[in-house]
Amino acid sequence: MKYIDTLREGMRISEVYLCKNKQIALTKAGKEYGNLVLQDKTGTIDSKIWDLGSPGIGSFETMDYVHVDADVTVFQGSNQLNVRRIRKASEGEYTAADYLPVSGKDIDKMYGELTGYVKKIENPYLNKLAVSFFVEDLQFAKAFRFHSAAKSVHHGFVGGLLEHTLSVVKMCDYFAGYYRELNRDLLLTAAMFHDVGKLRELSVFPENDYTDDGQLLGHIVIGVEMLTERIRRIPGFPPKLESELKHCIVSHHGELEYGSPKKPALLEALALNFADNTDAKMETMIEALRASGDNQGWIGYNRLLETNIRKTAEN
């Protein structure tokens, strides 16, 4: 099988991929064309069906496995498929595991690191809260290990939520060691839970799309609801501590226009915002550079980073 991350300009392929998205769009001349996103475990690739009336274009829908005959081209620095023939694949033509993008890091090892940080939380209320989720709740732990952190922006793969959360926790742990004014227990707990609402915001793979609650509420509101419900089971949990923890969660996007209902008002909330933004932006650029294949020049404008990007020159 030719995985998406091995495709290079000029290749002609005949492979099965998962159709993550299918739309009918119009060219500037008003002609309809198919706009697809195809996926395997190594990533996604934009694909175009320029001649929808061709006899080689079969019937298929979003989330179908499709057999594709296509040419690999490059558009704005990224690989793209020009589809010549496409049809719904039959059972036996594919193995589902080949189409689930998975973290390149060891999931068991990452979860072990995360629970190691959980056990180091000294505040008894925050410790009990974190343990109740990450150690004692086996159903939660299983879901958290394999969920993604996003539909497409960053860490949109199996284990992505865990990988992103652990990175944010590690950065916050560094901040707490460098800036002694920070409440380490509060900051690390907030880091562990900042994106927990994504478990209900996004559906599981292979769909990995927004749920109704994800569309209507978003992961920040969902996450606060999850914490509120669990805190109610912990006798004597200090109300002020609860409010401070929730504030870190609701403000972790940093700005109102980025979806946070409040801007950071606590030192810990500010640190969490910086750590979250750093890891998200770094992973966004890493994934964009990886998707460019062997291209060593300027890749083009990235709307998420709002700048033209390229790989660092090899010296």
C-alpha atoms as a PDB file:
ATOM      1  CA  MET A   1       0.000   0.000   0.000  1.00  0.00           C
ATOM      2  CA  LYS A   2       1.209   3.495  -0.835  1.00  0.00           C
ATOM      3  CA  TYR A   3       0.592   5.516   2.318  1.00  0.00           C
ATOM      4  CA  ILE A   4      -0.254   9.187   1.970  1.00  0.00           C
ATOM      5  CA  ASP A   5       2.972  10.387   3.587  1.00  0.00           C
ATOM      6  CA  THR A   6       4.994   8.548   0.908  1.00  0.00           C
ATOM      7  CA  LEU A   7       3.212  10.124  -2.072  1.00  0.00           C
ATOM      8  CA  ARG A   8       5.305  12.361  -4.292  1.00  0.00           C
ATOM      9  CA  GLU A   9       4.541  14.615  -7.232  1.00  0.00           C
ATOM     10  CA  GLY A  10       4.296  12.728 -10.520  1.00  0.00           C
ATOM     11  CA  MET A  11       3.196   9.410  -9.010  1.00  0.00           C
ATOM     12  CA  ARG A  12       0.215   7.562 -10.488  1.00  0.00           C
ATOM     13  CA  ILE A  13      -1.534   5.540  -7.804  1.00  0.00           C
ATOM     14  CA  SER A  14      -4.252   2.904  -7.509  1.00  0.00           C
ATOM     15  CA  GLU A  15      -5.091   2.546  -3.810  1.00  0.00           C
ATOM     16  CA  VAL A  16      -7.860   2.354  -1.208  1.00  0.00           C
ATOM     17  CA  TYR A  17      -8.334   5.287   1.179  1.00  0.00           C
ATOM     18  CA  LEU A  18     -10.988   6.414   3.643  1.00  0.00           C
ATOM     19  CA  CYS A  19     -13.126   9.287   2.340  1.00  0.00           C
ATOM     20  CA  LYS A  20     -13.259  11.665   5.325  1.00  0.00           C
ATOM     21  CA  ASN A  21     -15.120  14.397   3.472  1.00  0.00           C
ATOM     22  CA  LYS A  22     -16.959  14.799   0.163  1.00  0.00           C
ATOM     23  CA  GLN A  23     -18.349  18.033  -1.231  1.00  0.00           C
ATOM     24  CA  ILE A  24     -19.528  19.241  -4.617  1.00  0.00           C
ATOM     25  CA  ALA A  25     -18.083  22.664  -5.447  1.00  0.00           C
ATOM     26  CA  LEU A  26     -18.049  25.024  -8.413  1.00  0.00           C
ATOM     27  CA  THR A  27     -15.106  26.247 -10.457  1.00  0.00           C
ATOM     28  CA  LYS A  28     -14.875  29.935 -11.350  1.00  0.00           C
ATOM     29  CA  ALA A  29     -16.464  28.990 -14.659  1.00  0.00           C
ATOM     30  CA  GLY A  30     -19.439  27.462 -12.845  1.00  0.00           C
ATOM     31  CA  LYS A  31     -18.587  23.813 -13.520  1.00  0.00           C
ATOM     32  CA  GLU A  32     -19.185  21.295 -10.734  1.00  0.00           C
ATOM     33  CA  TYR A  33     -16.271  19.287  -9.356  1.00  0.00           C
ATOM     34  CA  GLY A  34     -15.727  16.911  -6.451  1.00  0.00           C
ATOM     35  CA  ASN A  35     -13.741  18.168  -3.473  1.00  0.00           C
ATOM     36  CA  LEU A  36     -12.560  15.260  -1.286  1.00  0.00           C
ATOM     37  CA  VAL A  37     -10.396  14.655   1.746  1.00  0.00           C
ATOM     38  CA  LEU A  38      -8.902  11.162   1.758  1.00  0.00           C
ATOM     39  CA  GLN A  39      -7.186   9.584   4.750  1.00  0.00           C
ATOM     40  CA  ASP A  40      -4.996   6.725   5.870  1.00  0.00           C
ATOM     41  CA  LYS A  41      -3.086   6.229   9.113  1.00  0.00           C
ATOM     42  CA  THR A  42      -0.299   8.577   7.993  1.00  0.00           C
ATOM     43  CA  GLY A  43      -2.495  11.601   7.307  1.00  0.00           C
ATOM     44  CA  THR A  44      -4.937  13.191   4.888  1.00  0.00           C
ATOM     45  CA  ILE A  45      -4.716  14.539   1.367  1.00  0.00           C
ATOM     46  CA  ASP A  46      -6.946  16.944  -0.569  1.00  0.00           C
ATOM     47  CA  SER A  47      -8.309  15.350  -3.729  1.00  0.00           C
ATOM     48  CA  LYS A  48     -10.237  16.667  -6.728  1.00  0.00           C
ATOM     49  CA  ILE A  49     -12.592  15.013  -9.212  1.00  0.00           C
ATOM     50  CA  TRP A  50     -12.574  17.472 -12.092  1.00  0.00           C
ATOM     51  CA  ASP A  51     -14.854  15.437 -14.376  1.00  0.00           C
ATOM     52  CA  LEU A  52     -17.834  14.240 -12.363  1.00  0.00           C
ATOM     53  CA  GLY A  53     -19.489  12.901 -15.509  1.00  0.00           C
ATOM     54  CA  SER A  54     -16.709  10.457 -16.299  1.00  0.00           C
ATOM     55  CA  PRO A  55     -17.807   6.775 -16.462  1.00  0.00           C
ATOM     56  CA  GLY A  56     -14.975   5.980 -14.041  1.00  0.00           C
ATOM     57  CA  ILE A  57     -16.585   7.996 -11.252  1.00  0.00           C
ATOM     58  CA  GLY A  58     -18.714   5.662  -9.117  1.00  0.00           C
ATOM     59  CA  SER A  59     -21.158   6.267  -6.290  1.00  0.00           C
ATOM     60  CA  PHE A  60     -19.760   6.699  -2.760  1.00  0.00           C
ATOM     61  CA  GLU A  61     -20.314   8.801   0.368  1.00  0.00           C
ATOM     62  CA  THR A  62     -18.386  10.371   3.228  1.00  0.00           C
ATOM     63  CA  MET A  63     -16.848   7.712   5.528  1.00  0.00           C
ATOM     64  CA  ASP A  64     -16.800   5.105   2.764  1.00  0.00           C
ATOM     65  CA  TYR A  65     -13.579   3.313   1.890  1.00  0.00           C
ATOM     66  CA  VAL A  66     -12.901   4.139  -1.756  1.00  0.00           C
ATOM     67  CA  HIS A  67     -10.640   2.690  -4.421  1.00  0.00           C
ATOM     68  CA  VAL A  68      -8.905   5.546  -6.217  1.00  0.00           C
ATOM     69  CA  ASP A  69      -6.924   5.833  -9.435  1.00  0.00           C
ATOM     70  CA  ALA A  70      -5.251   9.236  -9.352  1.00  0.00           C
ATOM     71  CA  ASP A  71      -2.240  11.377 -10.203  1.00  0.00           C
ATOM     72  CA  VAL A  72      -0.240  13.078  -7.462  1.00  0.00           C
ATOM     73  CA  THR A  73       0.267  16.810  -8.030  1.00  0.00           C
ATOM     74  CA  VAL A  74       1.342  19.729  -5.842  1.00  0.00           C
ATOM     75  CA  PHE A  75      -0.878  22.733  -5.126  1.00  0.00           C
ATOM     76  CA  GLN A  76       0.305  25.609  -2.931  1.00  0.00           C
ATOM     77  CA  GLY A  77       3.141  23.508  -1.566  1.00  0.00           C
ATOM     78  CA  SER A  78       1.062  20.490  -0.533  1.00  0.00           C
ATOM     79  CA  ASN A  79       0.369  17.200  -2.283  1.00  0.00           C
ATOM     80  CA  GLN A  80      -3.011  16.778  -3.965  1.00  0.00           C
ATOM     81  CA  LEU A  81      -4.690  13.976  -5.892  1.00  0.00           C
ATOM     82  CA  ASN A  82      -6.298  14.487  -9.270  1.00  0.00           C
ATOM     83  CA  VAL A  83      -8.768  11.604  -9.345  1.00  0.00           C
ATOM     84  CA  ARG A  84      -9.336   9.787 -12.653  1.00  0.00           C
ATOM     85  CA  ARG A  85     -11.406   6.873 -11.362  1.00  0.00           C
ATOM     86  CA  ILE A  86     -13.064   6.234  -7.977  1.00  0.00           C
ATOM     87  CA  ARG A  87     -15.502   3.682  -6.562  1.00  0.00           C
ATOM     88  CA  LYS A  88     -16.649   2.375  -3.193  1.00  0.00           C
ATOM     89  CA  ALA A  89     -14.239  -0.345  -2.054  1.00  0.00           C
ATOM     90  CA  SER A  90     -15.478  -3.836  -1.265  1.00  0.00           C
ATOM     91  CA  GLU A  91     -14.881  -5.627   2.026  1.00  0.00           C
ATOM     92  CA  GLY A  92     -11.611  -7.511   1.802  1.00  0.00           C
ATOM     93  CA  GLU A  93      -9.918  -4.735  -0.177  1.00  0.00           C
ATOM     94  CA  TYR A  94      -8.809  -2.911   2.974  1.00  0.00           C
ATOM     95  CA  THR A  95      -7.837  -3.362   6.614  1.00  0.00           C
ATOM     96  CA  ALA A  96      -9.445  -0.720   8.840  1.00  0.00           C
ATOM     97  CA  ALA A  97      -6.328  -0.304  11.012  1.00  0.00           C
ATOM     98  CA  ASP A  98      -4.449   1.095   8.001  1.00  0.00           C
ATOM     99  CA  TYR A  99      -6.723   4.128   7.967  1.00  0.00           C
ATOM    100  CA  LEU A 100      -6.560   5.314  11.567  1.00  0.00           C
ATOM    101  CA  PRO A 101      -3.888   8.006  12.049  1.00  0.00           C
ATOM    102  CA  VAL A 102      -1.995   7.170  15.236  1.00  0.00           C
ATOM    103  CA  SER A 103       0.478   9.088  17.386  1.00  0.00           C
ATOM    104  CA  GLY A 104       4.070   8.258  16.574  1.00  0.00           C
ATOM    105  CA  LYS A 105       4.758   8.075  20.304  1.00  0.00           C
ATOM    106  CA  ASP A 106       4.153   5.129  22.623  1.00  0.00           C
ATOM    107  CA  ILE A 107       0.626   5.573  24.042  1.00  0.00           C
ATOM    108  CA  ASP A 108       1.203   3.331  27.065  1.00  0.00           C
ATOM    109  CA  LYS A 109       4.407   5.171  27.952  1.00  0.00           C
ATOM    110  CA  MET A 110       2.744   8.580  27.587  1.00  0.00           C
ATOM    111  CA  TYR A 111      -0.167   7.587  29.816  1.00  0.00           C
ATOM    112  CA  GLY A 112       2.271   6.264  32.392  1.00  0.00           C
ATOM    113  CA  GLU A 113       4.065   9.626  32.372  1.00  0.00           C
ATOM    114  CA  LEU A 114       0.774  11.480  32.773  1.00  0.00           C
ATOM    115  CA  THR A 115      -0.358   9.383  35.742  1.00  0.00           C
ATOM    116  CA  GLY A 116       3.095   9.950  37.241  1.00  0.00           C
ATOM    117  CA  TYR A 117       2.329  13.677  37.309  1.00  0.00           C
ATOM    118  CA  VAL A 118      -1.113  12.925  38.761  1.00  0.00           C
ATOM    119  CA  LYS A 119       0.440  11.102  41.712  1.00  0.00           C
ATOM    120  CA  LYS A 120       2.748  14.063  42.443  1.00  0.00           C
ATOM    121  CA  ILE A 121      -0.127  16.495  43.050  1.00  0.00           C
ATOM    122  CA  GLU A 122       0.079  17.312  46.759  1.00  0.00           C
ATOM    123  CA  ASN A 123      -3.172  19.191  47.315  1.00  0.00           C
ATOM    124  CA  PRO A 124      -5.522  16.462  48.611  1.00  0.00           C
ATOM    125  CA  TYR A 125      -8.603  17.756  46.778  1.00  0.00           C
ATOM    126  CA  LEU A 126      -6.890  18.235  43.429  1.00  0.00           C
ATOM    127  CA  ASN A 127      -5.129  14.904  43.825  1.00  0.00           C
ATOM    128  CA  LYS A 128      -8.406  13.106  44.533  1.00  0.00           C
ATOM    129  CA  LEU A 129     -10.028  14.774  41.531  1.00  0.00           C
ATOM    130  CA  ALA A 130      -7.229  13.815  39.134  1.00  0.00           C
ATOM    131  CA  VAL A 131      -6.937  10.270  40.513  1.00  0.00           C
ATOM    132  CA  SER A 132     -10.701   9.767  40.200  1.00  0.00           C
ATOM    133  CA  PHE A 133     -10.437  10.392  36.460  1.00  0.00           C
ATOM    134  CA  PHE A 134      -7.029   9.214  35.269  1.00  0.00           C
ATOM    135  CA  VAL A 135      -6.404   6.298  37.660  1.00  0.00           C
ATOM    136  CA  GLU A 136      -9.713   4.991  39.012  1.00  0.00           C
ATOM    137  CA  ASP A 137     -12.092   5.582  36.082  1.00  0.00           C
ATOM    138  CA  LEU A 138     -11.005   2.842  33.674  1.00  0.00           C
ATOM    139  CA  GLN A 139     -13.593   3.754  31.036  1.00  0.00           C
ATOM    140  CA  PHE A 140     -12.403   7.368  31.049  1.00  0.00           C
ATOM    141  CA  ALA A 141      -8.755   6.289  30.939  1.00  0.00           C
ATOM    142  CA  LYS A 142      -9.355   4.059  27.908  1.00  0.00           C
ATOM    143  CA  ALA A 143     -11.182   6.828  26.038  1.00  0.00           C
ATOM    144  CA  PHE A 144      -8.576   9.461  26.937  1.00  0.00           C
ATOM    145  CA  ARG A 145      -5.692   7.300  25.700  1.00  0.00           C
ATOM    146  CA  PHE A 146      -7.112   6.883  22.225  1.00  0.00           C
ATOM    147  CA  HIS A 147      -9.037  10.106  21.546  1.00  0.00           C
ATOM    148  CA  SER A 148      -7.858  12.856  19.213  1.00  0.00           C
ATOM    149  CA  ALA A 149      -7.298  16.480  20.225  1.00  0.00           C
ATOM    150  CA  ALA A 150      -8.876  17.992  17.112  1.00  0.00           C
ATOM    151  CA  LYS A 151     -10.757  17.250  13.932  1.00  0.00           C
ATOM    152  CA  SER A 152      -7.987  18.562  11.701  1.00  0.00           C
ATOM    153  CA  VAL A 153      -6.016  21.489  13.177  1.00  0.00           C
ATOM    154  CA  HIS A 154      -3.449  19.727  15.397  1.00  0.00           C
ATOM    155  CA  HIS A 155      -3.074  16.323  17.060  1.00  0.00           C
ATOM    156  CA  GLY A 156      -5.979  14.966  15.009  1.00  0.00           C
ATOM    157  CA  PHE A 157      -5.010  11.330  15.463  1.00  0.00           C
ATOM    158  CA  VAL A 158      -5.437   8.385  17.825  1.00  0.00           C
ATOM    159  CA  GLY A 159      -3.582   9.312  21.004  1.00  0.00           C
ATOM    160  CA  GLY A 160      -3.555  12.982  20.021  1.00  0.00           C
ATOM    161  CA  LEU A 161      -5.434  14.208  23.092  1.00  0.00           C
ATOM    162  CA  LEU A 162      -3.038  12.337  25.364  1.00  0.00           C
ATOM    163  CA  GLU A 163       0.049  13.528  23.470  1.00  0.00           C
ATOM    164  CA  HIS A 164      -1.084  17.174  23.534  1.00  0.00           C
ATOM    165  CA  THR A 165      -2.138  17.039  27.196  1.00  0.00           C
ATOM    166  CA  LEU A 166       1.157  15.503  28.291  1.00  0.00           C
ATOM    167  CA  SER A 167       3.110  18.149  26.366  1.00  0.00           C
ATOM    168  CA  VAL A 168       1.115  20.934  28.030  1.00  0.00           C
ATOM    169  CA  VAL A 169       1.587  19.343  31.479  1.00  0.00           C
ATOM    170  CA  LYS A 170       5.348  19.118  30.932  1.00  0.00           C
ATOM    171  CA  MET A 171       5.581  22.760  29.883  1.00  0.00           C
ATOM    172  CA  CYS A 172       3.504  23.822  32.865  1.00  0.00           C
ATOM    173  CA  ASP A 173       5.726  21.760  35.151  1.00  0.00           C
ATOM    174  CA  TYR A 174       8.712  23.684  33.773  1.00  0.00           C
ATOM    175  CA  PHE A 175       6.923  27.008  34.283  1.00  0.00           C
ATOM    176  CA  ALA A 176       6.139  26.071  37.882  1.00  0.00           C
ATOM    177  CA  GLY A 177       9.790  25.291  38.543  1.00  0.00           C
ATOM    178  CA  TYR A 178      11.008  28.534  36.993  1.00  0.00           C
ATOM    179  CA  TYR A 179       8.308  30.925  38.220  1.00  0.00           C
ATOM    180  CA  ARG A 180       8.010  30.171  41.935  1.00  0.00           C
ATOM    181  CA  GLU A 181       4.910  32.362  42.260  1.00  0.00           C
ATOM    182  CA  LEU A 182       2.862  29.746  40.414  1.00  0.00           C
ATOM    183  CA  ASN A 183       0.672  27.294  42.326  1.00  0.00           C
ATOM    184  CA  ARG A 184       2.115  24.104  40.859  1.00  0.00           C
ATOM    185  CA  ASP A 185      -0.725  21.803  41.914  1.00  0.00           C
ATOM    186  CA  LEU A 186      -3.388  24.090  40.470  1.00  0.00           C
ATOM    187  CA  LEU A 187      -1.470  24.630  37.237  1.00  0.00           C
ATOM    188  CA  LEU A 188      -0.737  20.948  36.592  1.00  0.00           C
ATOM    189  CA  THR A 189      -4.294  19.909  37.387  1.00  0.00           C
ATOM    190  CA  ALA A 190      -5.645  22.556  35.024  1.00  0.00           C
ATOM    191  CA  ALA A 191      -3.224  21.365  32.332  1.00  0.00           C
ATOM    192  CA  MET A 192      -4.429  17.775  32.711  1.00  0.00           C
ATOM    193  CA  PHE A 193      -8.079  18.789  32.364  1.00  0.00           C
ATOM    194  CA  HIS A 194      -7.911  21.753  29.967  1.00  0.00           C
ATOM    195  CA  ASP A 195      -9.092  19.752  26.929  1.00  0.00           C
ATOM    196  CA  VAL A 196     -10.973  16.949  28.676  1.00  0.00           C
ATOM    197  CA  GLY A 197     -14.230  18.132  27.090  1.00  0.00           C
ATOM    198  CA  LYS A 198     -12.954  16.967  23.715  1.00  0.00           C
ATOM    199  CA  LEU A 199     -13.927  13.449  24.727  1.00  0.00           C
ATOM    200  CA  ARG A 200     -17.537  14.534  24.122  1.00  0.00           C
ATOM    201  CA  GLU A 201     -16.906  17.324  21.629  1.00  0.00           C
ATOM    202  CA  LEU A 202     -15.514  14.926  19.013  1.00  0.00           C
ATOM    203  CA  SER A 203     -16.739  11.481  18.016  1.00  0.00           C
ATOM    204  CA  VAL A 204     -14.395   8.501  18.022  1.00  0.00           C
ATOM    205  CA  PHE A 205     -12.400   7.332  15.013  1.00  0.00           C
ATOM    206  CA  PRO A 206     -12.742   6.767  12.167  1.00  0.00           C
ATOM    207  CA  GLU A 207     -15.379   9.521  12.083  1.00  0.00           C
ATOM    208  CA  ASN A 208     -13.563  11.981  14.396  1.00  0.00           C
ATOM    209  CA  ASP A 209     -16.089  14.757  13.766  1.00  0.00           C
ATOM    210  CA  TYR A 210     -18.021  17.215  15.910  1.00  0.00           C
ATOM    211  CA  THR A 211     -20.887  15.774  17.945  1.00  0.00           C
ATOM    212  CA  ASP A 212     -24.098  17.718  18.537  1.00  0.00           C
ATOM    213  CA  ASP A 213     -22.800  18.794  21.950  1.00  0.00           C
ATOM    214  CA  GLY A 214     -19.489  19.701  20.344  1.00  0.00           C
ATOM    215  CA  GLN A 215     -21.253  22.000  17.894  1.00  0.00           C
ATOM    216  CA  LEU A 216     -23.684  23.473  20.419  1.00  0.00           C
ATOM    217  CA  LEU A 217     -21.503  23.750  23.533  1.00  0.00           C
ATOM    218  CA  GLY A 218     -17.822  23.211  22.682  1.00  0.00           C
ATOM    219  CA  HIS A 219     -15.160  21.445  24.701  1.00  0.00           C
ATOM    220  CA  ILE A 220     -14.602  24.262  27.211  1.00  0.00           C
ATOM    221  CA  VAL A 221     -18.205  24.210  28.469  1.00  0.00           C
ATOM    222  CA  ILE A 222     -18.339  20.416  28.307  1.00  0.00           C
ATOM    223  CA  GLY A 223     -15.087  20.120  30.270  1.00  0.00           C
ATOM    224  CA  VAL A 224     -16.299  22.417  33.040  1.00  0.00           C
ATOM    225  CA  GLU A 225     -19.514  20.390  33.292  1.00  0.00           C
ATOM    226  CA  MET A 226     -17.506  17.173  33.618  1.00  0.00           C
ATOM    227  CA  LEU A 227     -15.388  18.654  36.406  1.00  0.00           C
ATOM    228  CA  THR A 228     -18.405  20.089  38.228  1.00  0.00           C
ATOM    229  CA  GLU A 229     -20.140  16.721  38.272  1.00  0.00           C
ATOM    230  CA  ARG A 230     -17.052  14.944  39.658  1.00  0.00           C
ATOM    231  CA  ILE A 231     -16.187  17.658  42.207  1.00  0.00           C
ATOM    232  CA  ARG A 232     -19.660  17.258  43.717  1.00  0.00           C
ATOM    233  CA  ARG A 233     -18.615  13.748  44.759  1.00  0.00           C
ATOM    234  CA  ILE A 234     -15.604  15.005  46.751  1.00  0.00           C
ATOM    235  CA  PRO A 235     -16.712  16.112  50.242  1.00  0.00           C
ATOM    236  CA  GLY A 236     -15.342  19.473  51.352  1.00  0.00           C
ATOM    237  CA  PHE A 237     -13.825  20.493  48.015  1.00  0.00           C
ATOM    238  CA  PRO A 238     -13.002  24.220  48.581  1.00  0.00           C
ATOM    239  CA  PRO A 239     -15.308  26.471  46.513  1.00  0.00           C
ATOM    240  CA  LYS A 240     -12.531  29.006  45.832  1.00  0.00           C
ATOM    241  CA  LEU A 241     -10.206  26.264  44.563  1.00  0.00           C
ATOM    242  CA  GLU A 242     -13.002  24.942  42.349  1.00  0.00           C
ATOM    243  CA  SER A 243     -13.539  28.398  40.849  1.00  0.00           C
ATOM    244  CA  GLU A 244      -9.817  28.908  40.233  1.00  0.00           C
ATOM    245  CA  LEU A 245      -9.505  25.526  38.515  1.00  0.00           C
ATOM    246  CA  LYS A 246     -12.542  26.217  36.341  1.00  0.00           C
ATOM    247  CA  HIS A 247     -11.221  29.685  35.487  1.00  0.00           C
ATOM    248  CA  CYS A 248      -8.021  28.136  34.147  1.00  0.00           C
ATOM    249  CA  ILE A 249     -10.129  25.852  31.947  1.00  0.00           C
ATOM    250  CA  VAL A 250     -12.495  28.516  30.607  1.00  0.00           C
ATOM    251  CA  SER A 251      -9.669  30.969  29.843  1.00  0.00           C
ATOM    252  CA  HIS A 252      -7.099  28.622  28.341  1.00  0.00           C
ATOM    253  CA  HIS A 253      -7.656  29.865  24.770  1.00  0.00           C
ATOM    254  CA  GLY A 254      -6.525  33.256  25.980  1.00  0.00           C
ATOM    255  CA  GLU A 255      -8.811  35.553  24.014  1.00  0.00           C
ATOM    256  CA  LEU A 256     -12.574  35.948  23.729  1.00  0.00           C
ATOM    257  CA  GLU A 257     -12.402  35.692  19.926  1.00  0.00           C
ATOM    258  CA  TYR A 258     -10.662  32.312  20.236  1.00  0.00           C
ATOM    259  CA  GLY A 259     -13.579  30.798  22.162  1.00  0.00           C
ATOM    260  CA  SER A 260     -12.697  31.491  25.790  1.00  0.00           C
ATOM    261  CA  PRO A 261     -15.575  33.077  27.735  1.00  0.00           C
ATOM    262  CA  LYS A 262     -13.015  34.754  30.019  1.00  0.00           C
ATOM    263  CA  LYS A 263      -9.456  36.038  29.554  1.00  0.00           C
ATOM    264  CA  PRO A 264      -6.796  34.762  31.984  1.00  0.00           C
ATOM    265  CA  ALA A 265      -7.059  36.539  35.349  1.00  0.00           C
ATOM    266  CA  LEU A 266      -4.808  34.203  37.341  1.00  0.00           C
ATOM    267  CA  LEU A 267      -1.081  33.622  36.900  1.00  0.00           C
ATOM    268  CA  GLU A 268      -1.773  29.904  36.477  1.00  0.00           C
ATOM    269  CA  ALA A 269      -4.391  30.597  33.798  1.00  0.00           C
ATOM    270  CA  LEU A 270      -1.899  32.728  31.869  1.00  0.00           C
ATOM    271  CA  ALA A 271       0.771  30.020  32.069  1.00  0.00           C
ATOM    272  CA  LEU A 272      -1.711  27.396  30.873  1.00  0.00           C
ATOM    273  CA  ASN A 273      -2.718  29.571  27.929  1.00  0.00           C
ATOM    274  CA  PHE A 274       0.925  29.977  26.872  1.00  0.00           C
ATOM    275  CA  ALA A 275       1.654  26.254  27.182  1.00  0.00           C
ATOM    276  CA  ASP A 276      -1.479  25.227  25.278  1.00  0.00           C
ATOM    277  CA  ASN A 277      -0.893  27.755  22.502  1.00  0.00           C
ATOM    278  CA  THR A 278       2.775  26.818  22.169  1.00  0.00           C
ATOM    279  CA  ASP A 279       2.128  23.101  21.757  1.00  0.00           C
ATOM    280  CA  ALA A 280      -0.815  23.653  19.396  1.00  0.00           C
ATOM    281  CA  LYS A 281       1.133  26.048  17.149  1.00  0.00           C
ATOM    282  CA  MET A 282       4.271  23.878  17.105  1.00  0.00           C
ATOM    283  CA  GLU A 283       2.306  20.760  16.166  1.00  0.00           C
ATOM    284  CA  THR A 284       0.319  22.677  13.534  1.00  0.00           C
ATOM    285  CA  MET A 285       3.532  23.756  11.810  1.00  0.00           C
ATOM    286  CA  ILE A 286       5.182  20.338  12.186  1.00  0.00           C
ATOM    287  CA  GLU A 287       2.176  18.667  10.541  1.00  0.00           C
ATOM    288  CA  ALA A 288       2.135  21.257   7.726  1.00  0.00           C
ATOM    289  CA  LEU A 289       5.850  20.753   7.052  1.00  0.00           C
ATOM    290  CA  ARG A 290       5.447  16.983   7.121  1.00  0.00           C
ATOM    291  CA  ALA A 291       2.571  17.182   4.628  1.00  0.00           C
ATOM    292  CA  SER A 292       4.797  19.029   2.152  1.00  0.00           C
ATOM    293  CA  GLY A 293       6.827  15.869   1.514  1.00  0.00           C
ATOM    294  CA  ASP A 294      10.257  16.526  -0.016  1.00  0.00           C
ATOM    295  CA  ASN A 295       9.506  20.156  -0.830  1.00  0.00           C
ATOM    296  CA  GLN A 296      12.456  22.234   0.403  1.00  0.00           C
ATOM    297  CA  GLY A 297      11.143  25.595  -0.783  1.00  0.00           C
ATOM    298  CA  TRP A 298       8.430  27.864   0.481  1.00  0.00           C
ATOM    299  CA  ILE A 299       5.304  25.817   1.142  1.00  0.00           C
ATOM    300  CA  GLY A 300       2.865  28.694   0.929  1.00  0.00           C
ATOM    301  CA  TYR A 301       0.542  30.646   3.198  1.00  0.00           C
ATOM    302  CA  ASN A 302      -0.799  28.734   6.176  1.00  0.00           C
ATOM    303  CA  ARG A 303      -4.126  30.185   7.291  1.00  0.00           C
ATOM    304  CA  LEU A 304      -3.820  28.724  10.804  1.00  0.00           C
ATOM    305  CA  LEU A 305      -0.398  30.251  11.402  1.00  0.00           C
ATOM    306  CA  GLU A 306      -1.205  33.320   9.269  1.00  0.00           C
ATOM    307  CA  THR A 307       2.158  33.308   7.548  1.00  0.00           C
ATOM    308  CA  ASN A 308       4.084  31.813   4.634  1.00  0.00           C
ATOM    309  CA  ILE A 309       6.184  28.874   5.864  1.00  0.00           C
ATOM    310  CA  ARG A 310       9.078  26.711   4.754  1.00  0.00           C
ATOM    311  CA  LYS A 311      11.451  24.107   6.176  1.00  0.00           C
ATOM    312  CA  THR A 312      14.680  25.180   7.814  1.00  0.00           C
ATOM    313  CA  ALA A 313      17.571  25.042   5.342  1.00  0.00           C
ATOM    314  CA  GLU A 314      19.940  22.098   5.679  1.00  0.00           C
ATOM    315  CA  ASN A 315      23.435  23.457   6.405  1.00  0.00           C
END
